[in-house]
Amino acid sequence: MTSLADPLAFTHGPAWANRFALAPLTNTQSHADGTLSDDEHHWLEARGRGGFGLVMTAAAYVAPAGQAWAGQLGIASDDHLPGLARLAEALRATGAASAVQLHHGGRRADPAVSGRPNQCPWDEPAKGAVAMTTGEVEQMVADFVAAAVRAERAGFDGVQVHGAHGYLIGQFLDGRHNQRTDGYGGSFDDRFRVVQEVLEGIRAATGPDFQLGLRLTPEGSGITLEEGRETARRVMASGLLDHLDMSLWDVFMGSRFGAEGLLIEHFTDLPREGTRLGVAGKVVSATDARWCLEQGADFVSVGTGAILHHDFAARAVADPDFRVRERPVPREVLREEKVGPAFIDYLAAGWDDLVA
């Protein structure tokens, strides 16, 4: 039986010390130009000291047009490198593996923040989005690859491509709306093409010790569970990925669209071909995390638990009965856990039960 304390080895890059990854949590702590702030640095470094096998940044935009919120981290320019390099060095000193999550908002970007029109696979006037040209799609693929190279230069152990939650990569997978006729839309094979090209490009442009991950949504945002499962099967069979992180909203939930069984069960039975499979969603105790491994996951990504306890991973490894503190919690408690003021304000505005 796999233990939460067991190291996790990969085809590329370092083994993780245990089965816990820090989820890529939006925290709105970066500077206006996308450079890393001290508050964001301290938030992430504390999770490395807190025992997470992998510490991953929040979604970092790979191109200015992809910025989706104020305070978002950037990896779109060499101007972003100094802060990222300082963070990578600090995380290595904690013993954690490190990764940057690569992101483009697409139709969910914010022109008021980015100063640029929204990009999308299709025309969507309500979002101010105009269908990307084929050349713009090719440039977007190049932007993801360039951002991965930048992360490697900064000293990170890897990257994770954000293909979940209806952002640009996921928008190409949307079977309801993406009916492009240039080879990047219509059939499932063509809608999948962007995912394939981004992963192939990153793998070709980075070294043999650089880890590559992908985050996917199982269903929703125009993705059926059948196609979500096929996407996961293909990427794991490709030999390109070190890890696939399925963002399940709640690891204990079933399909919202009538499929039988739990969502987790539709992915843990797939052949992995060396890819490590992770799951995320409302894991708030050591018991929850062990259950995920018992279902067949290789690792667990933790979000809320890592906000409430910088050392969630170390506590869960050491104490089989560990569970997060009761919510809501006072701001002072969050400050002690190295959650910065901007992050606390974001949590207070968007999460009903977290900040007292």
Protein backbone atom coordinates (compact mmCIF):
# COMPACT_ATOMS: atom_id res chain seq x y z
CA MET A 1 0.00 0.00 0.00
CA THR A 2 1.38 3.40 -1.00
CA SER A 3 2.05 5.77 1.89
CA LEU A 4 1.72 9.56 1.89
CA ALA A 5 5.35 9.65 3.01
CA ASP A 6 6.64 7.62 0.06
CA PRO A 7 8.88 9.49 -2.41
CA LEU A 8 7.55 9.84 -5.95
CA ALA A 9 10.00 9.32 -8.83
CA PHE A 10 9.57 10.55 -12.41
CA THR A 11 11.06 9.92 -15.82
CA HIS A 12 12.52 13.43 -15.78
CA GLY A 13 13.84 15.54 -12.93
CA PRO A 14 13.98 15.02 -9.20
CA ALA A 15 11.82 12.72 -7.13
CA TRP A 16 9.34 14.42 -4.83
CA ALA A 17 9.90 13.77 -1.13
CA ASN A 18 6.29 12.64 -0.62
CA ARG A 19 2.87 12.44 -2.28
CA PHE A 20 1.78 16.05 -1.65
CA ALA A 21 1.79 18.89 -4.19
CA LEU A 22 0.82 22.47 -3.45
CA ALA A 23 -2.11 23.32 -5.71
CA PRO A 24 -1.53 26.34 -8.01
CA LEU A 25 -3.59 28.79 -5.99
CA THR A 26 -4.58 32.20 -7.33
CA ASN A 27 -3.32 34.67 -4.72
CA THR A 28 -3.20 38.11 -6.46
CA GLN A 29 0.04 39.01 -4.68
CA SER A 30 2.27 39.77 -7.69
CA HIS A 31 3.25 43.29 -8.71
CA ALA A 32 1.30 45.07 -11.45
CA ASP A 33 3.99 44.17 -14.01
CA GLY A 34 3.76 40.45 -13.15
CA THR A 35 6.98 40.33 -11.17
CA LEU A 36 7.05 38.32 -7.96
CA SER A 37 6.43 40.18 -4.71
CA ASP A 38 8.00 39.43 -1.35
CA ASP A 39 4.61 38.35 0.00
CA GLU A 40 4.20 35.80 -2.79
CA HIS A 41 7.78 34.61 -2.33
CA HIS A 42 7.21 34.09 1.41
CA TRP A 43 3.88 32.29 0.80
CA LEU A 44 5.53 29.75 -1.49
CA GLU A 45 8.77 29.34 0.43
CA ALA A 46 6.78 28.59 3.60
CA ARG A 47 5.01 25.71 1.83
CA GLY A 48 8.41 24.31 0.85
CA ARG A 49 9.49 24.45 4.48
CA GLY A 50 6.11 22.92 5.35
CA GLY A 51 6.98 19.65 3.70
CA PHE A 52 5.24 19.68 0.31
CA GLY A 53 6.91 17.37 -2.18
CA LEU A 54 6.13 19.84 -4.97
CA VAL A 55 5.59 23.57 -4.56
CA MET A 56 3.91 25.13 -7.58
CA THR A 57 3.28 28.79 -8.30
CA ALA A 58 -0.09 30.25 -9.08
CA ALA A 59 -1.06 30.40 -12.75
CA ALA A 60 1.55 32.58 -14.49
CA TYR A 61 0.58 34.26 -17.76
CA VAL A 62 2.74 33.31 -20.74
CA ALA A 63 1.75 36.34 -22.86
CA PRO A 64 0.47 39.80 -21.88
CA ALA A 65 -2.89 39.18 -23.61
CA GLY A 66 -3.40 36.14 -21.38
CA GLN A 67 -3.40 38.01 -18.07
CA ALA A 68 -6.69 37.22 -16.34
CA TRP A 69 -6.61 39.20 -13.08
CA ALA A 70 -4.79 41.98 -11.29
CA GLY A 71 -1.87 40.74 -9.22
CA GLN A 72 -1.25 37.73 -11.47
CA LEU A 73 2.26 36.32 -11.71
CA GLY A 74 3.93 36.63 -15.12
CA ILE A 75 6.45 34.53 -17.01
CA ALA A 76 5.98 36.30 -20.35
CA SER A 77 9.18 38.34 -20.34
CA ASP A 78 12.77 38.13 -19.19
CA ASP A 79 11.84 41.01 -16.87
CA HIS A 80 10.06 38.36 -14.79
CA LEU A 81 13.21 36.23 -14.42
CA PRO A 82 14.96 37.79 -11.39
CA GLY A 83 12.08 37.19 -8.97
CA LEU A 84 11.44 33.73 -10.37
CA ALA A 85 15.11 32.79 -10.07
CA ARG A 86 15.21 33.97 -6.45
CA LEU A 87 12.11 31.86 -5.72
CA ALA A 88 13.50 28.75 -7.43
CA GLU A 89 16.69 29.00 -5.37
CA ALA A 90 14.73 29.44 -2.14
CA LEU A 91 12.48 26.45 -2.88
CA ARG A 92 15.45 24.24 -3.68
CA ALA A 93 16.92 25.13 -0.29
CA THR A 94 13.76 23.84 1.42
CA GLY A 95 14.12 20.43 -0.25
CA ALA A 96 10.91 20.76 -2.29
CA ALA A 97 10.68 20.23 -6.02
CA SER A 98 9.43 23.37 -7.79
CA ALA A 99 7.25 24.21 -10.77
CA VAL A 100 5.63 27.18 -12.48
CA GLN A 101 2.08 26.77 -13.76
CA LEU A 102 1.82 28.18 -17.30
CA HIS A 103 -1.45 29.93 -18.14
CA HIS A 104 -3.30 31.97 -20.74
CA GLY A 105 -6.77 33.29 -19.93
CA GLY A 106 -8.11 33.39 -23.48
CA ARG A 107 -11.73 34.52 -23.38
CA ARG A 108 -11.42 34.67 -19.57
CA ALA A 109 -8.56 37.19 -19.64
CA ASP A 110 -9.22 40.74 -18.47
CA PRO A 111 -8.57 43.48 -21.05
CA ALA A 112 -8.87 46.09 -18.31
CA VAL A 113 -5.79 44.54 -16.72
CA SER A 114 -3.88 43.34 -19.77
CA GLY A 115 -4.60 46.37 -21.94
CA ARG A 116 -5.12 44.01 -24.88
CA PRO A 117 -8.17 42.46 -26.61
CA ASN A 118 -9.18 39.00 -25.48
CA GLN A 119 -8.07 36.05 -27.57
CA CYS A 120 -10.25 33.00 -28.13
CA PRO A 121 -10.57 30.09 -30.58
CA TRP A 122 -13.91 31.58 -31.75
CA ASP A 123 -15.62 34.97 -32.00
CA GLU A 124 -17.39 35.87 -28.77
CA PRO A 125 -18.56 39.51 -28.74
CA ALA A 126 -19.94 39.25 -25.19
CA LYS A 127 -16.40 38.62 -23.97
CA GLY A 128 -14.84 41.10 -26.36
CA ALA A 129 -13.03 38.17 -27.96
CA VAL A 130 -12.22 37.78 -31.63
CA ALA A 131 -11.27 34.40 -33.09
CA MET A 132 -7.51 33.93 -33.20
CA THR A 133 -5.88 33.63 -36.60
CA THR A 134 -3.91 30.49 -37.33
CA GLY A 135 -0.76 32.53 -36.90
CA GLU A 136 -1.93 33.71 -33.49
CA VAL A 137 -2.59 30.11 -32.44
CA GLU A 138 0.92 29.17 -33.51
CA GLN A 139 2.30 32.16 -31.59
CA MET A 140 0.37 31.09 -28.50
CA VAL A 141 1.98 27.64 -28.69
CA ALA A 142 5.37 29.34 -29.01
CA ASP A 143 4.57 31.52 -25.98
CA PHE A 144 3.93 28.47 -23.80
CA VAL A 145 7.19 26.91 -24.98
CA ALA A 146 9.15 30.11 -24.39
CA ALA A 147 7.69 30.40 -20.89
CA ALA A 148 8.77 26.85 -20.07
CA VAL A 149 12.29 27.61 -21.26
CA ARG A 150 12.25 30.74 -19.10
CA ALA A 151 11.20 28.64 -16.07
CA GLU A 152 14.07 26.25 -16.72
CA ARG A 153 16.50 29.17 -16.99
CA ALA A 154 15.20 30.49 -13.68
CA GLY A 155 16.09 27.19 -12.02
CA PHE A 156 12.70 25.53 -11.57
CA ASP A 157 12.46 21.76 -11.72
CA GLY A 158 9.50 21.88 -14.11
CA VAL A 159 6.28 23.44 -15.31
CA GLN A 160 2.62 22.52 -15.39
CA VAL A 161 0.49 23.59 -18.35
CA HIS A 162 -2.91 24.90 -17.24
CA GLY A 163 -5.46 23.14 -19.42
CA ALA A 164 -8.32 23.25 -16.92
CA HIS A 165 -11.23 25.48 -15.85
CA GLY A 166 -12.13 26.94 -19.23
CA TYR A 167 -8.95 28.95 -19.85
CA LEU A 168 -7.41 29.12 -23.32
CA ILE A 169 -6.01 25.58 -23.62
CA GLY A 170 -9.34 24.22 -22.35
CA GLN A 171 -11.22 26.50 -24.76
CA PHE A 172 -9.63 24.68 -27.68
CA LEU A 173 -10.99 21.41 -26.23
CA ASP A 174 -14.54 22.87 -26.05
CA GLY A 175 -16.68 20.79 -28.40
CA ARG A 176 -19.65 23.15 -28.18
CA HIS A 177 -17.92 26.25 -29.52
CA ASN A 178 -14.58 25.41 -31.12
CA GLN A 179 -15.57 24.68 -34.69
CA ARG A 180 -12.47 26.15 -36.35
CA THR A 181 -11.63 24.81 -39.81
CA ASP A 182 -7.86 25.36 -39.79
CA GLY A 183 -6.89 22.11 -38.06
CA TYR A 184 -7.35 23.51 -34.55
CA GLY A 185 -11.09 22.91 -34.15
CA GLY A 186 -14.05 20.78 -35.17
CA SER A 187 -13.14 17.13 -34.61
CA PHE A 188 -11.75 15.96 -31.29
CA ASP A 189 -8.41 15.22 -32.95
CA ASP A 190 -8.15 18.79 -34.19
CA ARG A 191 -9.34 20.34 -30.92
CA PHE A 192 -6.68 18.28 -29.12
CA ARG A 193 -3.94 19.50 -31.49
CA VAL A 194 -3.02 22.57 -29.40
CA VAL A 195 -2.48 20.40 -26.31
CA GLN A 196 -0.24 18.06 -28.30
CA GLU A 197 1.78 20.88 -29.86
CA VAL A 198 2.32 22.70 -26.56
CA LEU A 199 3.51 19.54 -24.80
CA GLU A 200 5.70 18.44 -27.70
CA GLY A 201 7.19 21.92 -27.99
CA ILE A 202 8.06 22.15 -24.30
CA ARG A 203 9.55 18.68 -24.20
CA ALA A 204 11.71 19.40 -27.26
CA ALA A 205 12.91 22.79 -25.97
CA THR A 206 13.82 21.79 -22.40
CA GLY A 207 16.39 19.45 -20.95
CA PRO A 208 16.11 15.79 -19.93
CA ASP A 209 15.90 16.68 -16.23
CA PHE A 210 12.98 19.10 -16.64
CA GLN A 211 9.57 17.91 -15.46
CA LEU A 212 6.44 18.55 -17.51
CA GLY A 213 2.93 18.39 -16.10
CA LEU A 214 -0.58 19.21 -17.26
CA ARG A 215 -3.74 20.14 -15.35
CA LEU A 216 -7.09 19.14 -16.83
CA THR A 217 -10.78 19.44 -16.01
CA PRO A 218 -12.65 16.11 -16.20
CA GLU A 219 -15.85 17.59 -17.65
CA GLY A 220 -17.69 20.87 -18.13
CA SER A 221 -16.83 24.04 -20.07
CA GLY A 222 -17.80 22.24 -23.26
CA ILE A 223 -15.90 19.06 -22.39
CA THR A 224 -17.84 15.83 -21.97
CA LEU A 225 -16.60 13.25 -19.48
CA GLU A 226 -15.95 10.87 -22.39
CA GLU A 227 -13.70 13.45 -24.09
CA GLY A 228 -12.10 14.46 -20.79
CA ARG A 229 -11.18 10.84 -20.22
CA GLU A 230 -9.84 10.48 -23.77
CA THR A 231 -7.72 13.63 -23.37
CA ALA A 232 -6.23 12.20 -20.19
CA ARG A 233 -5.61 8.84 -21.86
CA ARG A 234 -3.84 10.42 -24.81
CA VAL A 235 -1.56 12.69 -22.82
CA MET A 236 -0.55 9.89 -20.46
CA ALA A 237 0.11 7.55 -23.37
CA SER A 238 2.18 10.16 -25.21
CA GLY A 239 5.32 9.74 -23.14
CA LEU A 240 5.59 13.54 -22.95
CA LEU A 241 4.26 14.06 -19.42
CA ASP A 242 5.72 13.42 -16.01
CA HIS A 243 2.48 14.17 -14.22
CA LEU A 244 -1.18 14.79 -14.96
CA ASP A 245 -3.19 16.67 -12.33
CA MET A 246 -6.96 16.19 -12.55
CA SER A 247 -8.80 19.13 -10.97
CA LEU A 248 -11.96 17.41 -9.70
CA TRP A 249 -13.46 20.30 -7.64
CA ASP A 250 -14.17 17.66 -4.99
CA VAL A 251 -12.38 14.30 -5.06
CA PHE A 252 -15.47 12.64 -3.59
CA MET A 253 -17.97 13.92 -6.17
CA GLY A 254 -19.65 12.19 -9.07
CA SER A 255 -20.33 13.50 -12.54
CA ARG A 256 -22.54 16.57 -12.75
CA PHE A 257 -23.93 15.25 -16.03
CA GLY A 258 -25.23 11.81 -15.11
CA ALA A 259 -22.30 9.42 -15.59
CA GLU A 260 -22.11 6.62 -13.07
CA GLY A 261 -19.48 6.43 -10.34
CA LEU A 262 -17.13 9.01 -8.89
CA LEU A 263 -15.14 11.25 -11.21
CA ILE A 264 -11.88 9.95 -9.78
CA GLU A 265 -12.80 6.45 -10.92
CA HIS A 266 -12.98 7.55 -14.55
CA PHE A 267 -9.27 8.44 -14.52
CA THR A 268 -7.46 6.16 -12.06
CA ASP A 269 -8.15 3.12 -14.25
CA LEU A 270 -6.41 4.58 -17.32
CA PRO A 271 -3.01 3.24 -18.41
CA ARG A 272 -0.32 5.71 -17.35
CA GLU A 273 2.75 4.77 -19.39
CA GLY A 274 5.01 6.23 -16.70
CA THR A 275 2.92 9.38 -16.10
CA ARG A 276 2.09 10.09 -12.45
CA LEU A 277 -1.59 10.86 -11.84
CA GLY A 278 -2.68 13.43 -9.28
CA VAL A 279 -6.08 14.61 -8.08
CA ALA A 280 -7.26 17.80 -6.42
CA GLY A 281 -10.42 18.96 -4.70
CA LYS A 282 -11.35 19.49 -1.04
CA VAL A 283 -8.66 17.32 0.48
CA VAL A 284 -8.56 18.67 4.06
CA SER A 285 -7.24 15.77 6.12
CA ALA A 286 -4.69 12.99 6.11
CA THR A 287 -7.60 10.56 5.80
CA ASP A 288 -8.83 12.32 2.65
CA ALA A 289 -5.36 12.16 1.11
CA ARG A 290 -4.89 8.47 1.93
CA TRP A 291 -8.28 7.74 0.38
CA CYS A 292 -7.13 9.33 -2.88
CA LEU A 293 -4.07 7.07 -2.96
CA GLU A 294 -6.25 4.06 -2.16
CA GLN A 295 -8.38 4.92 -5.20
CA GLY A 296 -5.26 4.77 -7.36
CA ALA A 297 -3.92 8.33 -7.46
CA ASP A 298 -0.15 8.76 -7.26
CA PHE A 299 -0.23 12.15 -5.55
CA VAL A 300 -2.65 14.71 -4.11
CA SER A 301 -2.73 18.46 -4.78
CA VAL A 302 -3.82 20.50 -1.76
CA GLY A 303 -5.27 24.01 -1.84
CA THR A 304 -7.42 25.09 1.11
CA GLY A 305 -5.46 22.92 3.51
CA ALA A 306 -2.24 24.63 2.45
CA ILE A 307 -3.78 28.06 3.07
CA LEU A 308 -4.82 27.09 6.59
CA HIS A 309 -1.54 25.32 7.41
CA HIS A 310 1.74 26.10 5.65
CA ASP A 311 2.91 22.70 6.92
CA PHE A 312 -0.19 20.70 5.94
CA ALA A 313 2.00 18.14 4.17
CA ALA A 314 4.36 17.58 7.11
CA ARG A 315 1.43 17.35 9.53
CA ALA A 316 -0.49 14.86 7.36
CA VAL A 317 2.58 12.66 6.90
CA ALA A 318 3.30 12.64 10.63
CA ASP A 319 -0.24 12.30 11.98
CA PRO A 320 -2.75 9.90 10.35
CA ASP A 321 -5.59 11.73 12.11
CA PHE A 322 -4.56 15.26 11.11
CA ARG A 323 -7.36 17.52 9.89
CA VAL A 324 -7.32 21.25 9.16
CA ARG A 325 -8.42 23.77 11.78
CA GLU A 326 -12.05 24.83 11.89
CA ARG A 327 -13.11 27.66 9.59
CA PRO A 328 -13.48 30.59 9.36
CA VAL A 329 -10.16 31.68 10.83
CA PRO A 330 -9.00 35.14 11.96
CA ARG A 331 -6.79 37.16 9.67
CA GLU A 332 -3.99 36.97 12.21
CA VAL A 333 -3.90 33.18 11.92
CA LEU A 334 -3.55 33.45 8.14
CA ARG A 335 -0.79 36.04 8.51
CA GLU A 336 1.07 33.61 10.76
CA GLU A 337 0.74 31.04 7.97
CA LYS A 338 2.49 33.48 5.59
CA VAL A 339 -0.67 34.44 3.71
CA GLY A 340 -0.11 38.04 2.62
CA PRO A 341 -2.62 40.93 2.95
CA ALA A 342 -3.64 40.93 -0.73
CA PHE A 343 -4.22 37.17 -0.63
CA ILE A 344 -6.28 37.47 2.56
CA ASP A 345 -8.42 40.19 0.97
CA TYR A 346 -8.94 37.99 -2.11
CA LEU A 347 -10.00 35.06 0.09
CA ALA A 348 -12.33 37.24 2.16
CA ALA A 349 -14.05 38.54 -0.98
CA GLY A 350 -14.45 35.22 -2.76
CA TRP A 351 -14.65 32.46 -0.16
CA ASP A 352 -17.60 32.54 2.21
CA ASP A 353 -16.22 30.37 5.01
CA LEU A 354 -12.48 30.98 5.16
CA VAL A 355 -11.74 34.39 6.67
CA ALA A 356 -13.45 35.43 9.92
